[in-house]
Structures are given as structure tokens and as C-alpha cells.
Amino acid sequence: MAIPQPETLTRGIINDRNPETGLRENREETDQELAQRQADYDNWLQNYFINRSNHIQSIGNAMLPATDWTQLLDSNLTDESVAEFAAYRKVLKELNKDLLDGSNNPVDANDEIWDENYSVDDNLPTEPTPEYKPEEEE
């Protein structure tokens, strides 16, 4: 599993524009730039599980608007279809439920969901197929 681990970053090469020539050049990273990059990495790592959990929830939240219409009184869906969509929407709203404990630590740090390379999209619930009420004859 590929959960990020603490590491000490090493000096890198930065490609940026030379203010004197206007040309892009490679240069060695300064001590200050390396220290800032290390601090940014450490902060990212410290908040990894919270950020990953929030990312998972944002995927579910982004899918909700496409099904808002199913909960309208005049959607013309059958009662069963409305209920299926309501259940589907509930799952989307709770994608990150029970992933973290009260201290924002993972409930199960070995869960594949924490793997950086894990695709949340592969385990999203399948959207129900709308079933409409039969048309009334006049």
C-alpha cells in the first residue's frame, strides 16, 4: 500500500526564469527553499488523512446536484424510484463517514482507501435508473 511516509527531502533543481537574461535556467534549490518545501511536505503529511477524507467526500458532494431533481415532488418518478435515489444520495453524502475517529485519525490505517493511488471512483455507488410513473390517460 502506498500511504505516504515521513522523509527528509534533499536539495533539488529548480527551473525558473533568470531575471537578468529573461531565459529559463536550471539552478540549485536554496537552503530556504528546501526548508520551505520540507515544511510544506511535513504539513501535508500531518494532514494526509483529513485531506484524503475530505477529498473523498468532495467527490460524493460533486455528484449530488445531478440527482437533485429526483427529490422534487413533480419529478414524475415512482415512489420506489424516489426512495432508491434518496438512498443513493445518502450514501454519497456519507462517503467519508466512519473513516476517521474523533481525533481525525484513521479508524483503519490499513484500509486501501488511504492509498494515494487508490481510485475512489471505482467504489462509488451505482446511480439508480429512474423509473417513471405511467402516463395518465385523459
Protein backbone atom coordinates (compact mmCIF):
# COMPACT_ATOMS: atom_id res chain seq x y z
CA MET A 1 0.00 0.00 0.00
CA ALA A 2 1.26 3.48 -0.83
CA ILE A 3 0.45 5.62 2.18
CA PRO A 4 2.96 8.49 2.22
CA GLN A 5 5.67 8.16 4.84
CA PRO A 6 7.84 10.76 6.59
CA GLU A 7 11.00 11.54 4.70
CA THR A 8 13.78 14.07 4.64
CA LEU A 9 13.75 15.87 1.32
CA THR A 10 17.01 16.55 -0.48
CA ARG A 11 18.10 19.61 -2.38
CA GLY A 12 16.66 19.72 -5.86
CA ILE A 13 17.00 21.59 -9.10
CA ILE A 14 14.60 24.44 -9.86
CA ASN A 15 13.85 25.60 -13.37
CA ASP A 16 12.87 29.25 -13.38
CA ARG A 17 13.38 32.47 -15.27
CA ASN A 18 16.66 34.31 -14.80
CA PRO A 19 15.69 37.94 -14.09
CA GLU A 20 18.85 39.24 -15.80
CA THR A 21 18.57 37.32 -19.08
CA GLY A 22 14.83 36.57 -19.14
CA LEU A 23 15.66 32.96 -20.06
CA ARG A 24 14.61 29.87 -18.14
CA GLU A 25 17.52 28.20 -16.41
CA ASN A 26 18.14 25.34 -14.01
CA ARG A 27 19.54 26.31 -10.63
CA GLU A 28 20.14 24.57 -7.35
CA GLU A 29 17.47 24.99 -4.69
CA THR A 30 18.48 27.32 -1.86
CA ASP A 31 18.51 26.26 1.80
CA GLN A 32 15.48 28.47 2.43
CA GLU A 33 13.54 26.94 -0.50
CA LEU A 34 14.41 23.42 0.66
CA ALA A 35 13.33 24.25 4.24
CA GLN A 36 10.01 25.64 2.96
CA ARG A 37 9.44 22.58 0.76
CA GLN A 38 10.21 20.29 3.72
CA ALA A 39 7.80 22.25 5.95
CA ASP A 40 5.10 22.06 3.26
CA TYR A 41 5.64 18.30 2.90
CA ASP A 42 5.56 17.72 6.65
CA ASN A 43 2.34 19.74 6.94
CA TRP A 44 0.78 17.81 4.04
CA LEU A 45 1.79 14.52 5.66
CA GLN A 46 0.44 15.56 9.07
CA ASN A 47 -2.93 16.36 7.49
CA TYR A 48 -2.93 13.50 4.96
CA PHE A 49 -5.83 11.50 6.43
CA ILE A 50 -8.04 14.57 6.95
CA ASN A 51 -7.35 15.84 3.44
CA ARG A 52 -7.91 12.41 1.90
CA SER A 53 -11.20 12.02 3.78
CA ASN A 54 -12.32 15.49 2.66
CA HIS A 55 -11.35 14.69 -0.93
CA ILE A 56 -13.43 11.52 -0.86
CA GLN A 57 -16.42 13.46 0.47
CA SER A 58 -15.99 16.19 -2.16
CA ILE A 59 -16.35 13.55 -4.88
CA GLY A 60 -19.72 12.48 -3.43
CA ASN A 61 -20.84 16.08 -2.95
CA ALA A 62 -19.98 16.88 -6.57
CA MET A 63 -22.27 14.07 -7.75
CA LEU A 64 -25.31 15.19 -5.75
CA PRO A 65 -26.55 18.07 -7.95
CA ALA A 66 -27.10 15.72 -10.89
CA THR A 67 -29.78 13.92 -8.89
CA ASP A 68 -31.42 16.86 -7.10
CA TRP A 69 -34.35 16.69 -9.50
CA THR A 70 -35.23 13.18 -8.32
CA GLN A 71 -36.33 14.53 -4.94
CA LEU A 72 -38.76 17.11 -6.33
CA LEU A 73 -42.48 16.47 -5.88
CA ASP A 74 -43.11 16.86 -9.61
CA SER A 75 -40.26 14.57 -10.75
CA ASN A 76 -42.83 12.06 -12.02
CA LEU A 77 -40.75 9.19 -10.59
CA THR A 78 -42.38 6.21 -8.94
CA ASP A 79 -42.29 6.16 -5.14
CA GLU A 80 -39.83 3.26 -5.29
CA SER A 81 -37.54 5.19 -7.64
CA VAL A 82 -37.64 8.27 -5.41
CA ALA A 83 -36.67 6.04 -2.47
CA GLU A 84 -33.81 4.44 -4.45
CA PHE A 85 -32.44 7.87 -5.34
CA ALA A 86 -32.82 9.05 -1.74
CA ALA A 87 -30.79 6.05 -0.55
CA TYR A 88 -28.18 6.62 -3.29
CA ARG A 89 -27.89 10.28 -2.30
CA LYS A 90 -27.49 9.32 1.37
CA VAL A 91 -24.54 7.09 0.50
CA LEU A 92 -22.95 9.93 -1.50
CA LYS A 93 -23.38 12.30 1.44
CA GLU A 94 -21.69 9.83 3.81
CA LEU A 95 -18.75 8.59 1.72
CA ASN A 96 -16.23 9.59 4.37
CA LYS A 97 -18.39 8.59 7.35
CA ASP A 98 -16.54 6.34 9.79
CA LEU A 99 -13.16 6.80 8.06
CA LEU A 100 -11.73 8.95 10.88
CA ASP A 101 -12.14 8.76 14.63
CA GLY A 102 -12.88 11.72 16.90
CA SER A 103 -9.20 12.75 16.81
CA ASN A 104 -9.09 12.70 12.99
CA ASN A 105 -7.01 9.53 12.91
CA PRO A 106 -7.97 6.74 10.54
CA VAL A 107 -10.26 4.09 12.02
CA ASP A 108 -8.36 1.53 9.90
CA ALA A 109 -5.00 2.81 8.63
CA ASN A 110 -4.64 -0.36 6.53
CA ASP A 111 -7.80 0.31 4.53
CA GLU A 112 -6.97 0.62 0.83
CA ILE A 113 -8.88 3.91 0.72
CA TRP A 114 -5.81 5.64 2.21
CA ASP A 115 -3.53 4.51 -0.60
CA GLU A 116 -2.52 7.55 -2.68
CA ASN A 117 -3.07 5.54 -5.84
CA TYR A 118 -6.48 4.18 -4.85
CA SER A 119 -9.24 5.35 -7.17
CA VAL A 120 -12.32 6.32 -5.18
CA ASP A 121 -14.32 6.35 -8.42
CA ASP A 122 -14.05 2.56 -8.64
CA ASN A 123 -16.10 2.09 -5.47
CA LEU A 124 -18.77 4.74 -5.84
CA PRO A 125 -22.35 3.51 -5.65
CA THR A 126 -24.13 2.92 -8.94
CA GLU A 127 -26.72 5.54 -9.72
CA PRO A 128 -30.21 4.05 -9.92
CA THR A 129 -32.11 4.05 -13.20
CA PRO A 130 -35.10 6.39 -12.98
CA GLU A 131 -38.49 4.71 -13.21
CA TYR A 132 -41.35 7.00 -14.13
CA LYS A 133 -45.00 6.81 -13.20
CA PRO A 134 -47.19 5.62 -16.05
CA GLU A 135 -48.73 8.43 -18.04
CA GLU A 136 -52.30 9.12 -17.15
CA GLU A 137 -54.79 8.94 -19.96
CA GLU A 138 -57.13 11.88 -20.32
